[in-house]
């Protein structure tokens, strides 16, 4: 998933992002939750129409006063983020 566009909603509504993958297919993704790793914030996005499908994790960054989603390209960063995500998921299940 690379390109994305945000749909702004009221505070009580889900945050939905339209993402376009490498083949040009668009998917609506809902922001499920965020978590911090080493002073960076990451977002877990789930398919809006199929929340049971595997999600996507992206880094949140500030750019010109807006929050944007950024792909995680660094393998070491990805490994740290997935490790923390797995720990959080295990705690949720306990």
C-alpha atoms as a PDB file:
ATOM      1  CA  UNK A   1       0.000   0.000   0.000  1.00  0.00           C
ATOM      2  CA  UNK A   2       1.491   3.312  -0.928  1.00  0.00           C
ATOM      3  CA  UNK A   3      -0.853   6.144  -1.835  1.00  0.00           C
ATOM      4  CA  UNK A   4      -3.552   7.169   0.605  1.00  0.00           C
ATOM      5  CA  UNK A   5      -6.206   9.776   1.171  1.00  0.00           C
ATOM      6  CA  UNK A   6      -7.928  10.618   4.455  1.00  0.00           C
ATOM      7  CA  UNK A   7     -11.619  11.020   5.099  1.00  0.00           C
ATOM      8  CA  UNK A   8     -12.204  13.301   8.083  1.00  0.00           C
ATOM      9  CA  UNK A   9     -15.051  12.415  10.401  1.00  0.00           C
ATOM     10  CA  UNK A  10     -16.412  13.534  13.734  1.00  0.00           C
ATOM     11  CA  UNK A  11     -14.463  12.377  16.795  1.00  0.00           C
ATOM     12  CA  UNK A  12     -16.913   9.527  17.457  1.00  0.00           C
ATOM     13  CA  UNK A  13     -16.626   8.089  13.952  1.00  0.00           C
ATOM     14  CA  UNK A  14     -13.980   5.775  12.545  1.00  0.00           C
ATOM     15  CA  UNK A  15     -11.051   7.276  10.665  1.00  0.00           C
ATOM     16  CA  UNK A  16     -11.173   5.765   7.187  1.00  0.00           C
ATOM     17  CA  UNK A  17      -8.263   5.973   4.740  1.00  0.00           C
ATOM     18  CA  UNK A  18      -8.417   4.978   1.075  1.00  0.00           C
ATOM     19  CA  UNK A  19      -5.173   3.254   0.128  1.00  0.00           C
ATOM     20  CA  UNK A  20      -3.929   2.255  -3.316  1.00  0.00           C
ATOM     21  CA  UNK A  21      -1.657  -0.766  -3.672  1.00  0.00           C
ATOM     22  CA  UNK A  22       1.086  -1.375  -6.228  1.00  0.00           C
ATOM     23  CA  UNK A  23      -1.447  -2.760  -8.751  1.00  0.00           C
ATOM     24  CA  UNK A  24      -3.702   0.302  -8.481  1.00  0.00           C
ATOM     25  CA  UNK A  25      -6.396  -1.418  -6.394  1.00  0.00           C
ATOM     26  CA  UNK A  26      -8.083   0.829  -3.838  1.00  0.00           C
ATOM     27  CA  UNK A  27      -9.074  -0.392  -0.374  1.00  0.00           C
ATOM     28  CA  UNK A  28     -10.787   1.485   2.415  1.00  0.00           C
ATOM     29  CA  UNK A  29      -8.865   0.971   5.636  1.00  0.00           C
ATOM     30  CA  UNK A  30     -10.012   1.941   9.123  1.00  0.00           C
ATOM     31  CA  UNK A  31      -7.578   3.139  11.778  1.00  0.00           C
ATOM     32  CA  UNK A  32      -7.920   0.428  14.455  1.00  0.00           C
ATOM     33  CA  UNK A  33      -5.403   1.799  16.977  1.00  0.00           C
ATOM     34  CA  UNK A  34      -2.033   3.475  17.394  1.00  0.00           C
ATOM     35  CA  UNK A  35       0.982   2.580  19.532  1.00  0.00           C
ATOM     36  CA  UNK A  36       4.398   4.063  20.307  1.00  0.00           C
ATOM     37  CA  UNK A  37       7.808   2.529  19.653  1.00  0.00           C
ATOM     38  CA  UNK A  38      10.945   4.500  20.527  1.00  0.00           C
ATOM     39  CA  UNK A  39       9.276   7.942  20.350  1.00  0.00           C
ATOM     40  CA  UNK A  40       7.556   7.190  17.024  1.00  0.00           C
ATOM     41  CA  UNK A  41       3.850   6.520  16.559  1.00  0.00           C
ATOM     42  CA  UNK A  42       2.523   3.653  14.456  1.00  0.00           C
ATOM     43  CA  UNK A  43      -0.990   2.941  13.196  1.00  0.00           C
ATOM     44  CA  UNK A  44      -2.712  -0.390  12.663  1.00  0.00           C
ATOM     45  CA  UNK A  45      -5.139  -0.200   9.747  1.00  0.00           C
ATOM     46  CA  UNK A  46      -7.759  -2.863   9.023  1.00  0.00           C
ATOM     47  CA  UNK A  47      -9.785  -3.429   5.874  1.00  0.00           C
ATOM     48  CA  UNK A  48     -13.007  -1.483   6.418  1.00  0.00           C
ATOM     49  CA  UNK A  49     -15.092  -4.073   4.556  1.00  0.00           C
ATOM     50  CA  UNK A  50     -13.279  -7.145   5.937  1.00  0.00           C
ATOM     51  CA  UNK A  51     -11.815  -6.415   9.409  1.00  0.00           C
ATOM     52  CA  UNK A  52     -10.848 -10.091   9.826  1.00  0.00           C
ATOM     53  CA  UNK A  53      -8.322  -9.750   6.993  1.00  0.00           C
ATOM     54  CA  UNK A  54      -4.703  -9.119   7.990  1.00  0.00           C
ATOM     55  CA  UNK A  55      -4.035  -5.465   8.766  1.00  0.00           C
ATOM     56  CA  UNK A  56      -1.355  -2.994   7.763  1.00  0.00           C
ATOM     57  CA  UNK A  57       1.065  -1.207  10.084  1.00  0.00           C
ATOM     58  CA  UNK A  58       2.360   2.220   9.062  1.00  0.00           C
ATOM     59  CA  UNK A  59       4.294   5.015  10.783  1.00  0.00           C
ATOM     60  CA  UNK A  60       2.506   8.292  11.527  1.00  0.00           C
ATOM     61  CA  UNK A  61       4.488  11.480  10.869  1.00  0.00           C
ATOM     62  CA  UNK A  62       3.759  15.179  10.933  1.00  0.00           C
ATOM     63  CA  UNK A  63       4.178  16.932   7.587  1.00  0.00           C
ATOM     64  CA  UNK A  64       3.272  20.602   7.140  1.00  0.00           C
ATOM     65  CA  UNK A  65       0.937  20.440  10.121  1.00  0.00           C
ATOM     66  CA  UNK A  66      -0.867  17.324   8.866  1.00  0.00           C
ATOM     67  CA  UNK A  67      -0.514  13.746  10.061  1.00  0.00           C
ATOM     68  CA  UNK A  68       0.496  11.406   7.241  1.00  0.00           C
ATOM     69  CA  UNK A  69       0.935   7.635   6.926  1.00  0.00           C
ATOM     70  CA  UNK A  70       4.397   6.449   5.924  1.00  0.00           C
ATOM     71  CA  UNK A  71       5.498   2.979   4.806  1.00  0.00           C
ATOM     72  CA  UNK A  72       8.102   1.277   7.005  1.00  0.00           C
ATOM     73  CA  UNK A  73      10.945   0.446   4.627  1.00  0.00           C
ATOM     74  CA  UNK A  74      13.742  -0.244   7.127  1.00  0.00           C
ATOM     75  CA  UNK A  75      13.932  -3.947   8.084  1.00  0.00           C
ATOM     76  CA  UNK A  76      15.255  -3.265  11.594  1.00  0.00           C
ATOM     77  CA  UNK A  77      12.504  -0.731  12.290  1.00  0.00           C
ATOM     78  CA  UNK A  78       9.898  -3.162  10.917  1.00  0.00           C
ATOM     79  CA  UNK A  79      11.180  -5.983  13.162  1.00  0.00           C
ATOM     80  CA  UNK A  80      10.999  -3.744  16.271  1.00  0.00           C
ATOM     81  CA  UNK A  81       7.504  -2.530  15.417  1.00  0.00           C
ATOM     82  CA  UNK A  82       6.133  -6.012  14.705  1.00  0.00           C
ATOM     83  CA  UNK A  83       7.672  -7.321  17.923  1.00  0.00           C
ATOM     84  CA  UNK A  84       5.940  -4.610  19.996  1.00  0.00           C
ATOM     85  CA  UNK A  85       2.692  -5.109  18.071  1.00  0.00           C
ATOM     86  CA  UNK A  86       2.787  -8.862  18.807  1.00  0.00           C
ATOM     87  CA  UNK A  87       3.374  -8.158  22.513  1.00  0.00           C
ATOM     88  CA  UNK A  88       0.379  -5.783  22.562  1.00  0.00           C
ATOM     89  CA  UNK A  89      -1.800  -8.344  20.766  1.00  0.00           C
ATOM     90  CA  UNK A  90      -0.839 -11.031  23.300  1.00  0.00           C
ATOM     91  CA  UNK A  91      -1.726  -8.688  26.192  1.00  0.00           C
ATOM     92  CA  UNK A  92      -5.135  -7.997  24.593  1.00  0.00           C
ATOM     93  CA  UNK A  93      -5.870 -11.717  24.368  1.00  0.00           C
ATOM     94  CA  UNK A  94      -4.884 -12.392  28.000  1.00  0.00           C
END
